[in-house]
Protein backbone atom coordinates (compact mmCIF):
# COMPACT_ATOMS: atom_id res chain seq x y z
CA UNK A 1 0.00 0.00 0.00
CA UNK A 2 1.11 3.53 -0.78
CA UNK A 3 -0.22 6.80 0.49
CA UNK A 4 0.32 10.39 1.50
CA UNK A 5 0.05 11.97 4.96
CA UNK A 6 0.04 15.76 5.44
CA UNK A 7 0.21 17.35 8.91
CA UNK A 8 -0.43 21.00 9.76
CA UNK A 9 -0.05 21.92 13.43
CA UNK A 10 0.93 25.47 14.42
CA UNK A 11 2.95 25.43 17.64
CA UNK A 12 3.44 27.73 20.61
CA UNK A 13 6.97 27.65 22.02
CA UNK A 14 8.20 28.78 25.44
CA UNK A 15 11.99 29.35 25.61
CA UNK A 16 13.42 28.81 29.10
CA UNK A 17 17.02 29.38 27.99
CA UNK A 18 17.65 31.60 24.96
CA UNK A 19 21.27 32.26 24.03
CA UNK A 20 22.56 33.19 20.56
CA UNK A 21 23.66 29.62 19.77
CA UNK A 22 21.70 27.52 22.32
CA UNK A 23 18.03 27.25 23.31
CA UNK A 24 16.01 25.07 25.67
CA UNK A 25 12.26 25.11 25.22
CA UNK A 26 8.84 23.49 25.61
CA UNK A 27 6.18 23.57 22.91
CA UNK A 28 2.63 22.48 22.15
CA UNK A 29 0.58 22.50 18.97
CA UNK A 30 -2.85 21.51 17.69
CA UNK A 31 -3.85 21.02 14.07
CA UNK A 32 -5.05 18.40 11.63
CA UNK A 33 -3.80 15.46 9.58
CA UNK A 34 -4.93 14.66 6.05
CA UNK A 35 -4.28 11.05 5.03
CA UNK A 36 -4.80 9.27 1.74
CA UNK A 37 -3.86 5.60 2.07
CA UNK A 38 -4.92 3.36 -0.79
CA UNK A 39 -8.59 4.13 -1.47
CA UNK A 40 -9.24 5.55 2.00
CA UNK A 41 -9.10 9.28 2.79
CA UNK A 42 -9.38 10.83 6.24
CA UNK A 43 -9.08 14.11 8.11
CA UNK A 44 -8.25 13.87 11.82
CA UNK A 45 -7.26 16.21 14.63
CA UNK A 46 -3.59 16.10 15.59
CA UNK A 47 -1.57 17.37 18.52
CA UNK A 48 2.07 17.80 19.43
CA UNK A 49 3.64 18.23 22.87
CA UNK A 50 7.35 18.70 23.63
CA UNK A 51 8.04 19.15 27.36
CA UNK A 52 11.83 19.31 26.81
CA UNK A 53 13.61 20.43 23.65
CA UNK A 54 16.98 21.97 22.88
CA UNK A 55 18.73 23.39 19.85
CA UNK A 56 22.37 24.29 19.26
CA UNK A 57 23.65 26.47 16.43
CA UNK A 58 22.71 29.75 14.77
CA UNK A 59 21.56 29.64 11.12
CA UNK A 60 22.03 25.88 10.78
CA UNK A 61 21.17 24.11 14.02
CA UNK A 62 20.88 20.65 15.58
CA UNK A 63 17.81 19.92 17.68
CA UNK A 64 16.75 17.21 20.12
CA UNK A 65 13.23 16.89 21.55
CA UNK A 66 11.47 14.58 23.97
CA UNK A 67 7.71 14.40 23.58
CA UNK A 68 5.04 13.01 21.36
CA UNK A 69 2.03 13.55 19.24
CA UNK A 70 0.35 12.84 15.97
CA UNK A 71 1.57 16.08 14.34
CA UNK A 72 5.01 14.62 13.68
CA UNK A 73 4.10 10.94 14.18
CA UNK A 74 6.55 10.36 17.01
CA UNK A 75 6.57 9.32 20.64
CA UNK A 76 9.84 9.44 22.55
CA UNK A 77 12.72 11.45 21.11
CA UNK A 78 13.12 13.45 17.92
CA UNK A 79 16.52 14.50 16.49
CA UNK A 80 17.33 16.55 13.43
CA UNK A 81 18.88 19.49 11.64
CA UNK A 82 17.16 22.76 10.88
CA UNK A 83 17.73 26.10 9.17
CA UNK A 84 16.61 29.49 10.51
CA UNK A 85 15.75 32.08 7.90
PDB file of N, CA and C in Angstrom:
ATOM      1  N   UNK A   1       0.834  -1.191   0.000  1.00  0.00           N
ATOM      2  CA  UNK A   1       0.000   0.000   0.000  1.00  0.00           C
ATOM      3  C   UNK A   1       0.872   1.246   0.000  1.00  0.00           C
ATOM      4  N   UNK A   2       0.418   2.254  -0.735  1.00  0.00           N
ATOM      5  CA  UNK A   2       1.110   3.534  -0.776  1.00  0.00           C
ATOM      6  C   UNK A   2       0.136   4.624  -0.394  1.00  0.00           C
ATOM      7  N   UNK A   3       0.670   5.714   0.102  1.00  0.00           N
ATOM      8  CA  UNK A   3      -0.216   6.799   0.488  1.00  0.00           C
ATOM      9  C   UNK A   3       0.547   8.069   0.793  1.00  0.00           C
ATOM     10  N   UNK A   4      -0.218   9.080   1.173  1.00  0.00           N
ATOM     11  CA  UNK A   4       0.324  10.387   1.503  1.00  0.00           C
ATOM     12  C   UNK A   4      -0.293  10.837   2.815  1.00  0.00           C
ATOM     13  N   UNK A   5       0.528  11.401   3.697  1.00  0.00           N
ATOM     14  CA  UNK A   5       0.045  11.967   4.956  1.00  0.00           C
ATOM     15  C   UNK A   5       0.570  13.399   5.044  1.00  0.00           C
ATOM     16  N   UNK A   6      -0.319  14.348   5.321  1.00  0.00           N
ATOM     17  CA  UNK A   6       0.036  15.759   5.439  1.00  0.00           C
ATOM     18  C   UNK A   6      -0.411  16.247   6.800  1.00  0.00           C
ATOM     19  N   UNK A   7       0.511  16.834   7.573  1.00  0.00           N
ATOM     20  CA  UNK A   7       0.214  17.354   8.907  1.00  0.00           C
ATOM     21  C   UNK A   7       0.378  18.867   8.912  1.00  0.00           C
ATOM     22  N   UNK A   8      -0.545  19.564   9.534  1.00  0.00           N
ATOM     23  CA  UNK A   8      -0.426  20.998   9.759  1.00  0.00           C
ATOM     24  C   UNK A   8      -0.802  21.257  11.206  1.00  0.00           C
ATOM     25  N   UNK A   9       0.177  21.687  12.005  1.00  0.00           N
ATOM     26  CA  UNK A   9      -0.054  21.919  13.433  1.00  0.00           C
ATOM     27  C   UNK A   9       0.773  23.110  13.902  1.00  0.00           C
ATOM     28  N   UNK A  10       0.212  24.316  13.872  1.00  0.00           N
ATOM     29  CA  UNK A  10       0.932  25.471  14.417  1.00  0.00           C
ATOM     30  C   UNK A  10       1.285  25.227  15.887  1.00  0.00           C
ATOM     31  N   UNK A  11       2.477  25.678  16.281  1.00  0.00           N
ATOM     32  CA  UNK A  11       2.946  25.427  17.644  1.00  0.00           C
ATOM     33  C   UNK A  11       3.233  26.719  18.386  1.00  0.00           C
ATOM     34  N   UNK A  12       3.061  26.659  19.692  1.00  0.00           N
ATOM     35  CA  UNK A  12       3.444  27.735  20.609  1.00  0.00           C
ATOM     36  C   UNK A  12       4.679  27.240  21.341  1.00  0.00           C
ATOM     37  N   UNK A  13       5.722  28.059  21.389  1.00  0.00           N
ATOM     38  CA  UNK A  13       6.971  27.654  22.023  1.00  0.00           C
ATOM     39  C   UNK A  13       7.304  28.603  23.164  1.00  0.00           C
ATOM     40  N   UNK A  14       7.732  28.027  24.284  1.00  0.00           N
ATOM     41  CA  UNK A  14       8.200  28.782  25.444  1.00  0.00           C
ATOM     42  C   UNK A  14       9.690  28.490  25.612  1.00  0.00           C
ATOM     43  N   UNK A  15      10.532  29.504  25.429  1.00  0.00           N
ATOM     44  CA  UNK A  15      11.988  29.348  25.609  1.00  0.00           C
ATOM     45  C   UNK A  15      12.339  29.591  27.069  1.00  0.00           C
ATOM     46  N   UNK A  16      12.957  28.593  27.725  1.00  0.00           N
ATOM     47  CA  UNK A  16      13.415  28.814  29.102  1.00  0.00           C
ATOM     48  C   UNK A  16      14.839  29.297  29.109  1.00  0.00           C
ATOM     49  N   UNK A  17      15.651  28.884  28.135  1.00  0.00           N
ATOM     50  CA  UNK A  17      17.017  29.380  27.987  1.00  0.00           C
ATOM     51  C   UNK A  17      17.137  29.838  26.539  1.00  0.00           C
ATOM     52  N   UNK A  18      17.532  31.074  26.323  1.00  0.00           N
ATOM     53  CA  UNK A  18      17.652  31.597  24.963  1.00  0.00           C
ATOM     54  C   UNK A  18      18.975  32.356  24.827  1.00  0.00           C
ATOM     55  N   UNK A  19      19.961  31.677  24.299  1.00  0.00           N
ATOM     56  CA  UNK A  19      21.272  32.257  24.034  1.00  0.00           C
ATOM     57  C   UNK A  19      21.435  32.338  22.512  1.00  0.00           C
ATOM     58  N   UNK A  20      22.414  33.087  22.018  1.00  0.00           N
ATOM     59  CA  UNK A  20      22.560  33.191  20.556  1.00  0.00           C
ATOM     60  C   UNK A  20      22.727  31.841  19.845  1.00  0.00           C
ATOM     61  N   UNK A  21      23.419  30.894  20.448  1.00  0.00           N
ATOM     62  CA  UNK A  21      23.656  29.618  19.768  1.00  0.00           C
ATOM     63  C   UNK A  21      23.079  28.418  20.516  1.00  0.00           C
ATOM     64  N   UNK A  22      22.268  28.633  21.558  1.00  0.00           N
ATOM     65  CA  UNK A  22      21.700  27.515  22.320  1.00  0.00           C
ATOM     66  C   UNK A  22      20.340  27.905  22.878  1.00  0.00           C
ATOM     67  N   UNK A  23      19.364  27.006  22.761  1.00  0.00           N
ATOM     68  CA  UNK A  23      18.026  27.248  23.311  1.00  0.00           C
ATOM     69  C   UNK A  23      17.490  25.979  23.952  1.00  0.00           C
ATOM     70  N   UNK A  24      16.786  26.159  25.054  1.00  0.00           N
ATOM     71  CA  UNK A  24      16.015  25.073  25.669  1.00  0.00           C
ATOM     72  C   UNK A  24      14.579  25.554  25.709  1.00  0.00           C
ATOM     73  N   UNK A  25      13.635  24.675  25.389  1.00  0.00           N
ATOM     74  CA  UNK A  25      12.257  25.109  25.222  1.00  0.00           C
ATOM     75  C   UNK A  25      11.259  23.993  25.500  1.00  0.00           C
ATOM     76  N   UNK A  26       9.994  24.385  25.585  1.00  0.00           N
ATOM     77  CA  UNK A  26       8.844  23.493  25.608  1.00  0.00           C
ATOM     78  C   UNK A  26       7.899  24.012  24.534  1.00  0.00           C
ATOM     79  N   UNK A  27       7.122  23.119  23.920  1.00  0.00           N
ATOM     80  CA  UNK A  27       6.179  23.572  22.906  1.00  0.00           C
ATOM     81  C   UNK A  27       4.952  22.673  22.877  1.00  0.00           C
ATOM     82  N   UNK A  28       3.876  23.230  22.330  1.00  0.00           N
ATOM     83  CA  UNK A  28       2.633  22.479  22.152  1.00  0.00           C
ATOM     84  C   UNK A  28       1.949  22.995  20.901  1.00  0.00           C
ATOM     85  N   UNK A  29       1.289  22.103  20.190  1.00  0.00           N
ATOM     86  CA  UNK A  29       0.584  22.497  18.974  1.00  0.00           C
ATOM     87  C   UNK A  29      -0.648  21.639  18.754  1.00  0.00           C
ATOM     88  N   UNK A  30      -1.612  22.216  18.049  1.00  0.00           N
ATOM     89  CA  UNK A  30      -2.847  21.513  17.690  1.00  0.00           C
ATOM     90  C   UNK A  30      -3.133  21.815  16.231  1.00  0.00           C
ATOM     91  N   UNK A  31      -3.561  20.820  15.485  1.00  0.00           N
ATOM     92  CA  UNK A  31      -3.849  21.023  14.075  1.00  0.00           C
ATOM     93  C   UNK A  31      -4.638  19.863  13.511  1.00  0.00           C
ATOM     94  N   UNK A  32      -4.330  19.492  12.270  1.00  0.00           N
ATOM     95  CA  UNK A  32      -5.047  18.396  11.631  1.00  0.00           C
ATOM     96  C   UNK A  32      -4.113  17.588  10.742  1.00  0.00           C
ATOM     97  N   UNK A  33      -4.524  16.367  10.441  1.00  0.00           N
ATOM     98  CA  UNK A  33      -3.796  15.457   9.577  1.00  0.00           C
ATOM     99  C   UNK A  33      -4.713  15.035   8.437  1.00  0.00           C
ATOM    100  N   UNK A  34      -4.235  15.164   7.219  1.00  0.00           N
ATOM    101  CA  UNK A  34      -4.929  14.657   6.046  1.00  0.00           C
ATOM    102  C   UNK A  34      -4.200  13.395   5.614  1.00  0.00           C
ATOM    103  N   UNK A  35      -4.912  12.304   5.428  1.00  0.00           N
ATOM    104  CA  UNK A  35      -4.277  11.052   5.029  1.00  0.00           C
ATOM    105  C   UNK A  35      -5.016  10.447   3.847  1.00  0.00           C
ATOM    106  N   UNK A  36      -4.259   9.977   2.884  1.00  0.00           N
ATOM    107  CA  UNK A  36      -4.802   9.270   1.737  1.00  0.00           C
ATOM    108  C   UNK A  36      -3.994   7.986   1.602  1.00  0.00           C
ATOM    109  N   UNK A  37      -4.544   6.890   2.063  1.00  0.00           N
ATOM    110  CA  UNK A  37      -3.856   5.605   2.068  1.00  0.00           C
ATOM    111  C   UNK A  37      -4.680   4.611   1.250  1.00  0.00           C
ATOM    112  N   UNK A  38      -4.161   4.232   0.101  1.00  0.00           N
ATOM    113  CA  UNK A  38      -4.918   3.361  -0.787  1.00  0.00           C
ATOM    114  C   UNK A  38      -6.155   4.090  -1.281  1.00  0.00           C
ATOM    115  N   UNK A  39      -7.320   3.514  -1.056  1.00  0.00           N
ATOM    116  CA  UNK A  39      -8.586   4.132  -1.473  1.00  0.00           C
ATOM    117  C   UNK A  39      -9.284   4.846  -0.328  1.00  0.00           C
ATOM    118  N   UNK A  40      -8.636   4.909   0.831  1.00  0.00           N
ATOM    119  CA  UNK A  40      -9.244   5.551   2.002  1.00  0.00           C
ATOM    120  C   UNK A  40      -8.640   6.931   2.229  1.00  0.00           C
ATOM    121  N   UNK A  41      -9.506   7.911   2.474  1.00  0.00           N
ATOM    122  CA  UNK A  41      -9.097   9.279   2.794  1.00  0.00           C
ATOM    123  C   UNK A  41      -9.657   9.652   4.152  1.00  0.00           C
ATOM    124  N   UNK A  42      -8.889  10.417   4.928  1.00  0.00           N
ATOM    125  CA  UNK A  42      -9.382  10.831   6.240  1.00  0.00           C
ATOM    126  C   UNK A  42      -8.800  12.181   6.637  1.00  0.00           C
ATOM    127  N   UNK A  43      -9.532  12.874   7.491  1.00  0.00           N
ATOM    128  CA  UNK A  43      -9.080  14.113   8.113  1.00  0.00           C
ATOM    129  C   UNK A  43      -9.257  13.920   9.607  1.00  0.00           C
ATOM    130  N   UNK A  44      -8.192  14.097  10.376  1.00  0.00           N
ATOM    131  CA  UNK A  44      -8.245  13.874  11.819  1.00  0.00           C
ATOM    132  C   UNK A  44      -7.543  15.007  12.553  1.00  0.00           C
ATOM    133  N   UNK A  45      -7.943  15.233  13.779  1.00  0.00           N
ATOM    134  CA  UNK A  45      -7.261  16.206  14.632  1.00  0.00           C
ATOM    135  C   UNK A  45      -5.894  15.651  15.013  1.00  0.00           C
ATOM    136  N   UNK A  46      -4.915  16.535  15.159  1.00  0.00           N
ATOM    137  CA  UNK A  46      -3.593  16.102  15.594  1.00  0.00           C
ATOM    138  C   UNK A  46      -3.080  17.057  16.661  1.00  0.00           C
ATOM    139  N   UNK A  47      -2.155  16.573  17.459  1.00  0.00           N
ATOM    140  CA  UNK A  47      -1.572  17.371  18.522  1.00  0.00           C
ATOM    141  C   UNK A  47      -0.081  17.084  18.592  1.00  0.00           C
ATOM    142  N   UNK A  48       0.630  17.959  19.232  1.00  0.00           N
ATOM    143  CA  UNK A  48       2.067  17.802  19.429  1.00  0.00           C
ATOM    144  C   UNK A  48       2.422  18.415  20.775  1.00  0.00           C
ATOM    145  N   UNK A  49       3.212  17.710  21.582  1.00  0.00           N
ATOM    146  CA  UNK A  49       3.640  18.228  22.875  1.00  0.00           C
ATOM    147  C   UNK A  49       5.101  17.876  23.089  1.00  0.00           C
ATOM    148  N   UNK A  50       5.924  18.881  23.359  1.00  0.00           N
ATOM    149  CA  UNK A  50       7.350  18.697  23.629  1.00  0.00           C
ATOM    150  C   UNK A  50       7.644  19.345  24.977  1.00  0.00           C
ATOM    151  N   UNK A  51       7.725  18.556  26.064  1.00  0.00           N
ATOM    152  CA  UNK A  51       8.035  19.149  27.364  1.00  0.00           C
ATOM    153  C   UNK A  51       9.480  19.621  27.468  1.00  0.00           C
ATOM    154  N   UNK A  52      10.412  18.935  26.767  1.00  0.00           N
ATOM    155  CA  UNK A  52      11.829  19.314  26.814  1.00  0.00           C
ATOM    156  C   UNK A  52      12.408  19.247  25.403  1.00  0.00           C
ATOM    157  N   UNK A  53      12.931  20.382  24.945  1.00  0.00           N
ATOM    158  CA  UNK A  53      13.609  20.433  23.655  1.00  0.00           C
ATOM    159  C   UNK A  53      14.816  21.332  23.757  1.00  0.00           C
ATOM    160  N   UNK A  54      15.812  21.092  22.910  1.00  0.00           N
ATOM    161  CA  UNK A  54      16.978  21.966  22.882  1.00  0.00           C
ATOM    162  C   UNK A  54      17.509  22.049  21.463  1.00  0.00           C
ATOM    163  N   UNK A  55      18.094  23.209  21.147  1.00  0.00           N
ATOM    164  CA  UNK A  55      18.725  23.387  19.847  1.00  0.00           C
ATOM    165  C   UNK A  55      20.066  24.076  20.048  1.00  0.00           C
ATOM    166  N   UNK A  56      21.035  23.716  19.195  1.00  0.00           N
ATOM    167  CA  UNK A  56      22.372  24.292  19.260  1.00  0.00           C
ATOM    168  C   UNK A  56      22.794  24.699  17.856  1.00  0.00           C
ATOM    169  N   UNK A  57      23.226  25.939  17.713  1.00  0.00           N
ATOM    170  CA  UNK A  57      23.647  26.469  16.426  1.00  0.00           C
ATOM    171  C   UNK A  57      22.900  27.751  16.126  1.00  0.00           C
ATOM    172  N   UNK A  58      23.362  28.488  15.123  1.00  0.00           N
ATOM    173  CA  UNK A  58      22.711  29.749  14.765  1.00  0.00           C
ATOM    174  C   UNK A  58      21.842  29.554  13.534  1.00  0.00           C
ATOM    175  N   UNK A  59      22.363  29.788  12.335  1.00  0.00           N
ATOM    176  CA  UNK A  59      21.559  29.641  11.123  1.00  0.00           C
ATOM    177  C   UNK A  59      21.224  28.175  10.848  1.00  0.00           C
ATOM    178  N   UNK A  60      22.229  27.322  10.882  1.00  0.00           N
ATOM    179  CA  UNK A  60      22.027  25.876  10.778  1.00  0.00           C
ATOM    180  C   UNK A  60      22.149  25.342  12.189  1.00  0.00           C
ATOM    181  N   UNK A  61      21.171  24.553  12.633  1.00  0.00           N
ATOM    182  CA  UNK A  61      21.169  24.106  14.019  1.00  0.00           C
ATOM    183  C   UNK A  61      20.786  22.637  14.128  1.00  0.00           C
ATOM    184  N   UNK A  62      21.241  22.015  15.194  1.00  0.00           N
ATOM    185  CA  UNK A  62      20.876  20.651  15.575  1.00  0.00           C
ATOM    186  C   UNK A  62      19.815  20.771  16.648  1.00  0.00           C
ATOM    187  N   UNK A  63      18.791  19.907  16.613  1.00  0.00           N
ATOM    188  CA  UNK A  63      17.805  19.919  17.681  1.00  0.00           C
ATOM    189  C   UNK A  63      17.529  18.516  18.196  1.00  0.00           C
ATOM    190  N   UNK A  64      17.137  18.455  19.458  1.00  0.00           N
ATOM    191  CA  UNK A  64      16.750  17.208  20.116  1.00  0.00           C
ATOM    192  C   UNK A  64      15.523  17.519  20.963  1.00  0.00           C
ATOM    193  N   UNK A  65      14.481  16.683  20.820  1.00  0.00           N
ATOM    194  CA  UNK A  65      13.233  16.894  21.552  1.00  0.00           C
ATOM    195  C   UNK A  65      12.770  15.591  22.175  1.00  0.00           C
ATOM    196  N   UNK A  66      12.131  15.716  23.330  1.00  0.00           N
ATOM    197  CA  UNK A  66      11.469  14.583  23.974  1.00  0.00           C
ATOM    198  C   UNK A  66      10.003  14.954  24.051  1.00  0.00           C
ATOM    199  N   UNK A  67       9.144  14.093  23.564  1.00  0.00           N
ATOM    200  CA  UNK A  67       7.714  14.401  23.583  1.00  0.00           C
ATOM    201  C   UNK A  67       6.935  13.414  22.748  1.00  0.00           C
ATOM    202  N   UNK A  68       5.847  13.889  22.185  1.00  0.00           N
ATOM    203  CA  UNK A  68       5.040  13.007  21.360  1.00  0.00           C
ATOM    204  C   UNK A  68       3.886  13.732  20.736  1.00  0.00           C
ATOM    205  N   UNK A  69       3.210  13.003  19.868  1.00  0.00           N
ATOM    206  CA  UNK A  69       2.032  13.554  19.238  1.00  0.00           C
ATOM    207  C   UNK A  69       1.872  13.100  17.814  1.00  0.00           C
ATOM    208  N   UNK A  70       0.669  13.258  17.326  1.00  0.00           N
ATOM    209  CA  UNK A  70       0.351  12.840  15.969  1.00  0.00           C
ATOM    210  C   UNK A  70       0.841  13.829  14.930  1.00  0.00           C
ATOM    211  N   UNK A  71       1.155  15.068  15.313  1.00  0.00           N
ATOM    212  CA  UNK A  71       1.566  16.078  14.341  1.00  0.00           C
ATOM    213  C   UNK A  71       2.868  15.702  13.645  1.00  0.00           C
ATOM    214  N   UNK A  72       3.780  15.053  14.340  1.00  0.00           N
ATOM    215  CA  UNK A  72       5.007  14.617  13.680  1.00  0.00           C
ATOM    216  C   UNK A  72       5.172  13.103  13.759  1.00  0.00           C
ATOM    217  N   UNK A  73       4.121  12.410  14.155  1.00  0.00           N
ATOM    218  CA  UNK A  73       4.105  10.945  14.182  1.00  0.00           C
ATOM    219  C   UNK A  73       5.247  10.352  15.009  1.00  0.00           C
ATOM    220  N   UNK A  74       5.499  10.920  16.180  1.00  0.00           N
ATOM    221  CA  UNK A  74       6.551  10.358  17.013  1.00  0.00           C
ATOM    222  C   UNK A  74       6.138  10.341  18.475  1.00  0.00           C
ATOM    223  N   UNK A  75       6.718   9.426  19.200  1.00  0.00           N
ATOM    224  CA  UNK A  75       6.567   9.325  20.643  1.00  0.00           C
ATOM    225  C   UNK A  75       7.923   8.905  21.169  1.00  0.00           C
ATOM    226  N   UNK A  76       8.502   9.721  22.028  1.00  0.00           N
ATOM    227  CA  UNK A  76       9.836   9.437  22.545  1.00  0.00           C
ATOM    228  C   UNK A  76      10.755  10.592  22.246  1.00  0.00           C
ATOM    229  N   UNK A  77      11.783  10.379  21.414  1.00  0.00           N
ATOM    230  CA  UNK A  77      12.722  11.452  21.110  1.00  0.00           C
ATOM    231  C   UNK A  77      12.710  11.750  19.609  1.00  0.00           C
ATOM    232  N   UNK A  78      13.129  12.929  19.289  1.00  0.00           N
ATOM    233  CA  UNK A  78      13.118  13.446  17.925  1.00  0.00           C
ATOM    234  C   UNK A  78      14.423  14.215  17.730  1.00  0.00           C
ATOM    235  N   UNK A  79      15.236  13.855  16.756  1.00  0.00           N
ATOM    236  CA  UNK A  79      16.518  14.496  16.494  1.00  0.00           C
ATOM    237  C   UNK A  79      16.537  14.998  15.060  1.00  0.00           C
ATOM    238  N   UNK A  80      17.241  16.091  14.808  1.00  0.00           N
ATOM    239  CA  UNK A  80      17.329  16.548  13.429  1.00  0.00           C
ATOM    240  C   UNK A  80      18.165  17.793  13.254  1.00  0.00           C
ATOM    241  N   UNK A  81      18.204  18.261  12.016  1.00  0.00           N
ATOM    242  CA  UNK A  81      18.880  19.493  11.643  1.00  0.00           C
ATOM    243  C   UNK A  81      17.847  20.464  11.120  1.00  0.00           C
ATOM    244  N   UNK A  82      18.076  21.749  11.356  1.00  0.00           N
ATOM    245  CA  UNK A  82      17.161  22.765  10.881  1.00  0.00           C
ATOM    246  C   UNK A  82      17.920  23.967  10.351  1.00  0.00           C
ATOM    247  N   UNK A  83      17.171  24.859   9.719  1.00  0.00           N
ATOM    248  CA  UNK A  83      17.734  26.099   9.171  1.00  0.00           C
ATOM    249  C   UNK A  83      16.815  27.256   9.552  1.00  0.00           C
ATOM    250  N   UNK A  84      17.384  28.283  10.159  1.00  0.00           N
ATOM    251  CA  UNK A  84      16.613  29.487  10.510  1.00  0.00           C
ATOM    252  C   UNK A  84      16.784  30.508   9.397  1.00  0.00           C
ATOM    253  N   UNK A  85      15.664  31.042   8.945  1.00  0.00           N
ATOM    254  CA  UNK A  85      15.748  32.081   7.902  1.00  0.00           C
ATOM    255  C   UNK A  85      14.884  33.265   8.243  1.00  0.00           C
TER     256      UNK A  85
END
